[in-house]
Amino acid sequence: MLSELLVLETAAVLAGPSVGMHFAELGARVIKLENKRSGGDVTRKWKLPNENPSAPLSAYFSSVNWGKEHRMLDLKDHADRAVFDDLLTKADVLITNHLSGDGPKLGLTRERLRGINPRLVHGHIKGFADQGDRPAFDVVLQAETGYISMTGTDDDHLAKLPIALIDVLAAHQLKEGVLLALWQREKHGKGAYVEVSLEEAALAGLINQASNNLMTGTVAAPMGTLHPNIAPYGELFTCSDGGRVILAVGSDTQFQGLCRVLGVPELGIEVRFATNGERVRNRRGLAKELSVPIGARVRDILLCDLEQAGVPAGAVLRVDEVLATPVAQRMILESHMEGMVTRRIKGNVFRIETA
């Protein structure tokens, strides 16, 4: 789709490299330029205890570096800088994530890049909107943008999200911005600078939790899997075979359907549970009422019955179970990198059908 596009990537860790992999999946030629002085992208060394400590890369590194060419350069070295500049003259896109103060040292200032290639679309990810030299990793942003304060089971048992979601959100923002800049370049012939901060991407991701506070003053608290506005939504139950299910009932009609499937239709019209507002106020009592009939059912049979009744619900699956499903199997990208077989889930899942 984008086979004539050349993308250079000096970015490291996850957000920037996932943007590079996005373009690789779309057919672009992507060259990842790693820091020779430090031994390459730091995530090469981010290994689980059961990974080979002498292997050249980690599963983490592999997750966002499919389909790229890899070169080690020291942008502070004159000869390596010349190699970079030569690539830059031919490039369509450059993805970076250095601190602001490092830009001049690495030859990555906007003015210099524009002087070498006026048609270049330069996508840059930074940590904080107004603190260009403050280093940041995902968990710091999770903490400072409210995510950790509302994740976990209570204030004494807070948790971080198990993936670098802020990096993922920022990467999606940058992909969209770079694609828009490329489209504008097709019309006007000029390059562009596209900047995204992890901080602003995280704030944008607060969506309904932000509006809850802005409109009602409500401060979100950790609720485990529960939803502050809807019930039973996020409630977990264990079935007779040990399988666990989660409910996502979003309307009174769906709740009545749930009650019919469970053989307790009277709950659907009981005053305490007849409306979503009442169910939210009485969610503990509701969960207790539902746990008995759900606990008597076999998970997969129950889920089938709920699906037929139009009631949203799902099984609680481990990652290995998820990756064994047909849909996930179709999404696995395998490649050989530096003598290793590597696997990851592809990042692009959209489908385009021409009219």
Protein backbone atom coordinates (compact mmCIF):
# COMPACT_ATOMS: atom_id res chain seq x y z
CA MET A 1 0.00 0.00 0.00
CA LEU A 2 2.85 2.39 0.88
CA SER A 3 5.72 0.59 -0.83
CA GLU A 4 7.27 3.80 -2.17
CA LEU A 5 7.48 5.41 1.27
CA LEU A 6 10.78 5.55 3.20
CA VAL A 7 10.45 5.91 6.97
CA LEU A 8 13.40 6.54 9.29
CA GLU A 9 13.04 5.83 12.99
CA THR A 10 15.44 7.01 15.67
CA ALA A 11 12.77 6.61 18.36
CA ALA A 12 13.23 3.93 21.00
CA VAL A 13 11.11 1.95 23.50
CA LEU A 14 7.44 1.53 22.44
CA ALA A 15 5.46 4.57 21.27
CA GLY A 16 7.73 5.70 18.44
CA PRO A 17 8.71 2.20 17.27
CA SER A 18 5.05 1.16 17.10
CA VAL A 19 4.50 4.06 14.68
CA GLY A 20 7.39 2.77 12.58
CA MET A 21 5.91 -0.73 12.61
CA HIS A 22 2.55 0.72 11.57
CA PHE A 23 4.14 1.94 8.36
CA ALA A 24 6.07 -1.31 7.89
CA GLU A 25 2.78 -3.21 8.04
CA LEU A 26 1.43 -0.90 5.36
CA GLY A 27 4.33 -1.82 3.08
CA ALA A 28 6.71 1.09 3.65
CA ARG A 29 10.45 0.63 3.88
CA VAL A 30 11.29 1.37 7.51
CA ILE A 31 14.87 1.78 8.72
CA LYS A 32 15.33 1.74 12.48
CA LEU A 33 18.43 3.72 13.42
CA GLU A 34 19.59 2.61 16.86
CA ASN A 35 22.05 4.31 19.16
CA LYS A 36 25.43 2.64 18.61
CA ARG A 37 26.86 4.13 21.81
CA SER A 38 24.28 2.50 24.07
CA GLY A 39 24.09 -0.82 22.25
CA GLY A 40 20.83 -0.05 20.51
CA ASP A 41 17.25 0.40 21.66
CA VAL A 42 17.16 -0.03 25.45
CA THR A 43 14.26 -2.49 25.19
CA ARG A 44 16.59 -5.06 23.63
CA LYS A 45 17.59 -5.70 27.26
CA TRP A 46 14.10 -5.61 28.78
CA LYS A 47 13.87 -9.37 29.24
CA LEU A 48 11.66 -11.62 31.31
CA PRO A 49 13.45 -13.94 33.75
CA ASN A 50 12.83 -16.90 31.43
CA GLU A 51 14.39 -15.22 28.36
CA ASN A 52 17.92 -15.98 27.23
CA PRO A 53 20.11 -13.27 28.82
CA SER A 54 22.65 -13.52 25.99
CA ALA A 55 20.09 -13.19 23.18
CA PRO A 56 20.46 -10.02 21.07
CA LEU A 57 16.90 -8.88 21.68
CA SER A 58 13.88 -9.35 23.92
CA ALA A 59 10.24 -10.24 23.38
CA TYR A 60 9.41 -6.67 24.37
CA PHE A 61 11.68 -5.27 21.65
CA SER A 62 10.22 -7.72 19.13
CA SER A 63 6.66 -6.57 19.83
CA VAL A 64 6.98 -3.30 17.89
CA ASN A 65 9.92 -3.84 15.56
CA TRP A 66 8.60 -6.15 12.86
CA GLY A 67 9.41 -5.54 9.22
CA LYS A 68 12.23 -3.03 9.74
CA GLU A 69 15.83 -2.75 8.66
CA HIS A 70 18.14 -2.17 11.62
CA ARG A 71 21.26 -0.03 11.60
CA MET A 72 23.48 1.11 14.45
CA LEU A 73 24.54 4.76 14.20
CA ASP A 74 26.13 7.28 16.53
CA LEU A 75 24.60 10.59 15.51
CA LYS A 76 27.31 12.43 17.44
CA ASP A 77 29.93 10.88 15.16
CA HIS A 78 30.76 12.82 11.99
CA ALA A 79 30.82 9.79 9.67
CA ASP A 80 27.61 8.31 11.06
CA ARG A 81 25.90 11.71 10.89
CA ALA A 82 26.78 11.83 7.18
CA VAL A 83 25.16 8.41 6.67
CA PHE A 84 22.06 9.66 8.45
CA ASP A 85 21.93 12.86 6.42
CA ASP A 86 22.16 10.88 3.19
CA LEU A 87 19.21 8.73 4.25
CA LEU A 88 17.35 11.85 5.31
CA THR A 89 17.50 13.36 1.82
CA LYS A 90 15.50 10.39 0.53
CA ALA A 91 13.15 9.93 3.48
CA ASP A 92 9.45 10.71 3.58
CA VAL A 93 8.95 10.32 7.33
CA LEU A 94 11.20 10.57 10.39
CA ILE A 95 10.03 9.32 13.81
CA THR A 96 11.91 10.65 16.87
CA ASN A 97 11.48 10.77 20.66
CA HIS A 98 14.61 12.46 22.04
CA LEU A 99 14.61 15.04 24.83
CA SER A 100 14.47 18.65 23.61
CA GLY A 101 17.99 19.40 24.80
CA ASP A 102 19.40 16.46 22.86
CA GLY A 103 18.08 17.66 19.50
CA PRO A 104 21.04 19.94 18.66
CA LYS A 105 23.58 17.35 19.83
CA LEU A 106 22.07 14.71 17.54
CA GLY A 107 21.43 16.94 14.55
CA LEU A 108 17.70 16.50 14.97
CA THR A 109 16.51 20.10 15.25
CA ARG A 110 13.51 21.00 13.15
CA GLU A 111 15.43 23.71 11.31
CA ARG A 112 18.30 21.42 10.33
CA LEU A 113 16.01 18.61 9.21
CA ARG A 114 13.88 21.00 7.15
CA GLY A 115 17.02 22.38 5.52
CA ILE A 116 18.11 18.91 4.43
CA ASN A 117 14.68 17.76 3.26
CA PRO A 118 11.85 20.31 2.99
CA ARG A 119 9.36 17.54 2.11
CA LEU A 120 10.10 15.53 5.25
CA VAL A 121 7.23 14.73 7.61
CA HIS A 122 8.86 14.70 11.04
CA GLY A 123 6.84 12.96 13.76
CA HIS A 124 8.06 13.52 17.31
CA ILE A 125 6.90 12.03 20.61
CA LYS A 126 7.80 13.67 23.91
CA GLY A 127 6.86 12.93 27.49
CA PHE A 128 5.27 16.11 28.77
CA ALA A 129 3.49 18.91 26.94
CA ASP A 130 5.40 21.78 28.55
CA GLN A 131 8.52 20.01 29.86
CA GLY A 132 10.52 18.98 26.83
CA ASP A 133 13.58 17.87 28.80
CA ARG A 134 11.77 15.86 31.46
CA PRO A 135 12.28 12.14 30.82
CA ALA A 136 9.22 9.94 31.06
CA PHE A 137 8.18 6.33 30.89
CA ASP A 138 4.62 5.14 30.56
CA VAL A 139 4.07 4.38 34.25
CA VAL A 140 5.04 7.96 35.22
CA LEU A 141 2.32 9.28 32.92
CA GLN A 142 -0.17 6.73 34.23
CA ALA A 143 0.52 8.14 37.69
CA GLU A 144 0.45 11.84 36.79
CA THR A 145 -2.62 11.74 34.54
CA GLY A 146 -4.92 9.93 36.96
CA TYR A 147 -4.89 6.38 35.63
CA ILE A 148 -3.21 4.74 38.62
CA SER A 149 -5.42 6.63 41.09
CA MET A 150 -8.49 4.90 39.66
CA THR A 151 -6.99 1.49 38.86
CA GLY A 152 -6.93 -1.34 41.39
CA THR A 153 -9.44 -2.37 44.03
CA ASP A 154 -9.11 0.43 46.59
CA ASP A 155 -6.79 3.26 47.64
CA ASP A 156 -4.50 0.81 49.45
CA HIS A 157 -4.28 -1.50 46.44
CA LEU A 158 -3.63 0.70 43.43
CA ALA A 159 -2.34 -0.80 40.19
CA LYS A 160 -0.82 0.23 36.92
CA LEU A 161 -2.28 -0.96 33.65
CA PRO A 162 -0.51 -4.16 32.52
CA ILE A 163 0.42 -2.67 29.15
CA ALA A 164 2.04 0.66 28.28
CA LEU A 165 -1.33 2.12 27.33
CA ILE A 166 -0.15 5.74 27.36
CA ASP A 167 2.53 4.86 24.81
CA VAL A 168 -0.11 3.11 22.71
CA LEU A 169 -2.45 6.11 22.86
CA ALA A 170 0.34 8.52 21.91
CA ALA A 171 1.42 6.27 19.05
CA HIS A 172 -2.09 6.24 17.61
CA GLN A 173 -2.22 10.04 17.82
CA LEU A 174 1.11 10.32 16.00
CA LYS A 175 0.09 7.83 13.30
CA GLU A 176 -2.99 9.91 12.57
CA GLY A 177 -1.03 13.15 12.54
CA VAL A 178 1.69 11.81 10.25
CA LEU A 179 -0.83 10.34 7.82
CA LEU A 180 -2.67 13.67 7.71
CA ALA A 181 0.62 15.50 7.09
CA LEU A 182 1.46 13.10 4.24
CA TRP A 183 -1.95 13.75 2.72
CA GLN A 184 -1.37 17.51 2.98
CA ARG A 185 2.04 17.07 1.36
CA GLU A 186 0.39 15.41 -1.62
CA LYS A 187 -1.72 18.55 -2.05
CA HIS A 188 0.82 21.26 -1.23
CA GLY A 189 4.23 19.61 -1.66
CA LYS A 190 5.49 20.69 1.76
CA GLY A 191 6.71 18.65 4.71
CA ALA A 192 5.52 19.14 8.27
CA TYR A 193 6.41 18.72 11.93
CA VAL A 194 3.94 16.61 13.93
CA GLU A 195 4.30 16.49 17.71
CA VAL A 196 2.50 14.42 20.32
CA SER A 197 3.14 14.31 24.06
CA LEU A 198 2.42 11.26 26.18
CA GLU A 199 0.82 13.61 28.69
CA GLU A 200 -1.76 15.04 26.28
CA ALA A 201 -2.47 11.63 24.77
CA ALA A 202 -3.14 10.29 28.26
CA LEU A 203 -5.43 13.20 29.10
CA ALA A 204 -7.36 12.68 25.87
CA GLY A 205 -7.78 9.05 26.87
CA LEU A 206 -9.60 9.95 30.09
CA ILE A 207 -12.77 10.59 28.02
CA ASN A 208 -15.82 9.75 30.19
CA GLN A 209 -13.85 9.88 33.46
CA ALA A 210 -12.81 13.43 32.61
CA SER A 211 -16.40 14.43 31.82
CA ASN A 212 -17.65 12.81 35.03
CA ASN A 213 -15.38 15.16 36.96
CA LEU A 214 -15.81 18.25 34.78
CA MET A 215 -19.61 18.04 34.86
CA THR A 216 -20.37 16.57 38.30
CA GLY A 217 -17.22 17.02 40.36
CA THR A 218 -16.95 13.27 40.84
CA VAL A 219 -13.40 12.06 41.49
CA ALA A 220 -12.93 8.57 40.10
CA ALA A 221 -11.82 5.99 42.65
CA PRO A 222 -10.41 2.50 42.07
CA MET A 223 -13.27 0.06 41.52
CA GLY A 224 -11.53 -3.01 40.17
CA THR A 225 -13.42 -4.11 37.08
CA LEU A 226 -16.57 -2.14 37.87
CA HIS A 227 -17.98 0.85 35.97
CA PRO A 228 -19.02 3.96 37.92
CA ASN A 229 -22.02 4.73 35.69
CA ILE A 230 -23.46 1.31 34.81
CA ALA A 231 -24.47 -1.90 36.61
CA PRO A 232 -24.12 -4.81 36.33
CA TYR A 233 -21.14 -3.80 34.19
CA GLY A 234 -17.75 -5.24 35.09
CA GLU A 235 -19.11 -7.53 37.79
CA LEU A 236 -17.24 -10.85 37.86
CA PHE A 237 -18.86 -14.17 38.69
CA THR A 238 -17.61 -17.75 39.00
CA CYS A 239 -19.62 -20.52 37.34
CA SER A 240 -20.11 -24.11 38.49
CA ASP A 241 -17.20 -25.36 36.35
CA GLY A 242 -14.80 -22.76 37.76
CA GLY A 243 -14.97 -20.57 34.66
CA ARG A 244 -15.36 -16.87 35.26
CA VAL A 245 -17.65 -14.47 33.42
CA ILE A 246 -17.95 -10.71 33.29
CA LEU A 247 -21.21 -8.88 32.61
CA ALA A 248 -21.57 -5.70 30.55
CA VAL A 249 -25.25 -4.86 30.85
CA GLY A 250 -25.85 -1.41 29.42
CA SER A 251 -29.64 -1.04 29.37
CA ASP A 252 -32.77 -2.01 31.25
CA THR A 253 -33.80 -4.26 28.36
CA GLN A 254 -30.51 -6.13 28.55
CA PHE A 255 -30.86 -6.50 32.30
CA GLN A 256 -34.31 -7.99 31.94
CA GLY A 257 -32.91 -10.39 29.35
CA LEU A 258 -30.16 -11.40 31.78
CA CYS A 259 -32.73 -12.12 34.48
CA ARG A 260 -34.80 -14.26 32.12
CA VAL A 261 -31.77 -16.31 31.07
CA LEU A 262 -30.89 -16.87 34.73
CA GLY A 263 -34.43 -17.93 35.57
CA VAL A 264 -35.04 -15.00 37.92
CA PRO A 265 -37.27 -12.67 35.84
CA GLU A 266 -38.62 -11.06 39.01
CA LEU A 267 -35.27 -9.32 39.54
CA GLY A 268 -35.79 -7.41 36.31
CA ILE A 269 -38.80 -5.58 37.70
CA GLU A 270 -37.82 -5.35 41.35
CA VAL A 271 -37.74 -1.69 42.44
CA ARG A 272 -34.10 -1.90 43.63
CA PHE A 273 -32.93 -3.03 40.19
CA ALA A 274 -35.52 -1.87 37.65
CA THR A 275 -33.45 1.05 36.32
CA ASN A 276 -29.75 1.55 35.75
CA GLY A 277 -29.63 4.29 38.39
CA GLU A 278 -31.11 1.96 40.99
CA ARG A 279 -28.79 -0.85 39.98
CA VAL A 280 -25.74 1.41 40.38
CA ARG A 281 -26.94 2.47 43.83
CA ASN A 282 -27.64 -1.13 44.85
CA ARG A 283 -24.91 -2.93 42.94
CA ARG A 284 -23.61 -4.93 45.92
CA GLY A 285 -27.01 -6.36 46.64
CA LEU A 286 -27.52 -7.00 42.94
CA ALA A 287 -24.24 -8.88 42.65
CA LYS A 288 -25.23 -11.06 45.59
CA GLU A 289 -28.57 -11.86 43.95
CA LEU A 290 -26.95 -12.74 40.63
CA SER A 291 -24.11 -14.82 42.06
CA VAL A 292 -26.38 -17.73 42.99
CA PRO A 293 -28.00 -18.45 39.59
CA ILE A 294 -24.77 -17.70 37.73
CA GLY A 295 -22.84 -19.96 40.10
CA ALA A 296 -25.14 -22.83 39.15
CA ARG A 297 -24.42 -22.52 35.43
CA VAL A 298 -21.62 -23.87 33.20
CA ARG A 299 -19.68 -20.92 31.79
CA ASP A 300 -19.74 -21.62 28.06
CA ILE A 301 -23.38 -22.70 28.06
CA LEU A 302 -24.35 -19.59 30.01
CA LEU A 303 -22.44 -17.33 27.62
CA CYS A 304 -24.15 -18.96 24.65
CA ASP A 305 -27.57 -18.38 26.22
CA LEU A 306 -26.73 -14.76 27.00
CA GLU A 307 -25.52 -14.15 23.45
CA GLN A 308 -28.76 -15.51 22.03
CA ALA A 309 -30.68 -13.21 24.37
CA GLY A 310 -28.64 -10.17 23.29
CA VAL A 311 -26.98 -9.71 26.67
CA PRO A 312 -23.30 -8.61 26.51
CA ALA A 313 -21.05 -10.86 28.58
CA GLY A 314 -17.69 -12.54 28.21
CA ALA A 315 -15.36 -15.17 29.55
CA VAL A 316 -12.34 -14.11 31.59
CA LEU A 317 -9.42 -15.57 29.63
CA ARG A 318 -5.68 -15.70 30.22
CA VAL A 319 -3.36 -14.25 27.58
CA ASP A 320 -2.30 -17.72 26.40
CA GLU A 321 -5.95 -18.68 25.93
CA VAL A 322 -6.61 -15.49 23.98
CA LEU A 323 -3.63 -15.99 21.68
CA ALA A 324 -4.86 -19.49 20.85
CA THR A 325 -8.15 -18.20 19.42
CA PRO A 326 -8.64 -18.19 15.62
CA VAL A 327 -8.82 -14.39 15.46
CA ALA A 328 -5.58 -13.93 17.39
CA GLN A 329 -3.84 -16.63 15.38
CA ARG A 330 -4.59 -14.69 12.20
CA MET A 331 -2.99 -11.60 13.72
CA ILE A 332 0.36 -13.13 14.68
CA LEU A 333 3.32 -11.85 12.68
CA GLU A 334 6.40 -14.08 12.73
CA SER A 335 9.84 -13.14 11.49
CA HIS A 336 13.51 -13.95 11.91
CA MET A 337 15.48 -11.17 13.57
CA GLU A 338 19.19 -11.50 14.25
CA GLY A 339 19.04 -15.28 14.25
CA MET A 340 15.92 -15.50 16.42
CA VAL A 341 12.35 -16.46 15.60
CA THR A 342 10.20 -13.59 16.85
CA ARG A 343 6.45 -13.22 17.11
CA ARG A 344 4.06 -10.41 17.85
CA ILE A 345 0.48 -9.28 17.29
CA LYS A 346 0.06 -6.99 14.31
CA GLY A 347 -0.92 -3.41 15.00
CA ASN A 348 -3.12 -2.62 12.01
CA VAL A 349 -6.52 -4.29 12.08
CA PHE A 350 -8.55 -2.06 9.76
CA ARG A 351 -9.78 -3.31 6.40
CA ILE A 352 -10.28 -1.13 3.35
CA GLU A 353 -12.54 -2.22 0.51
CA THR A 354 -12.64 -0.07 -2.60
CA ALA A 355 -16.06 1.01 -3.80
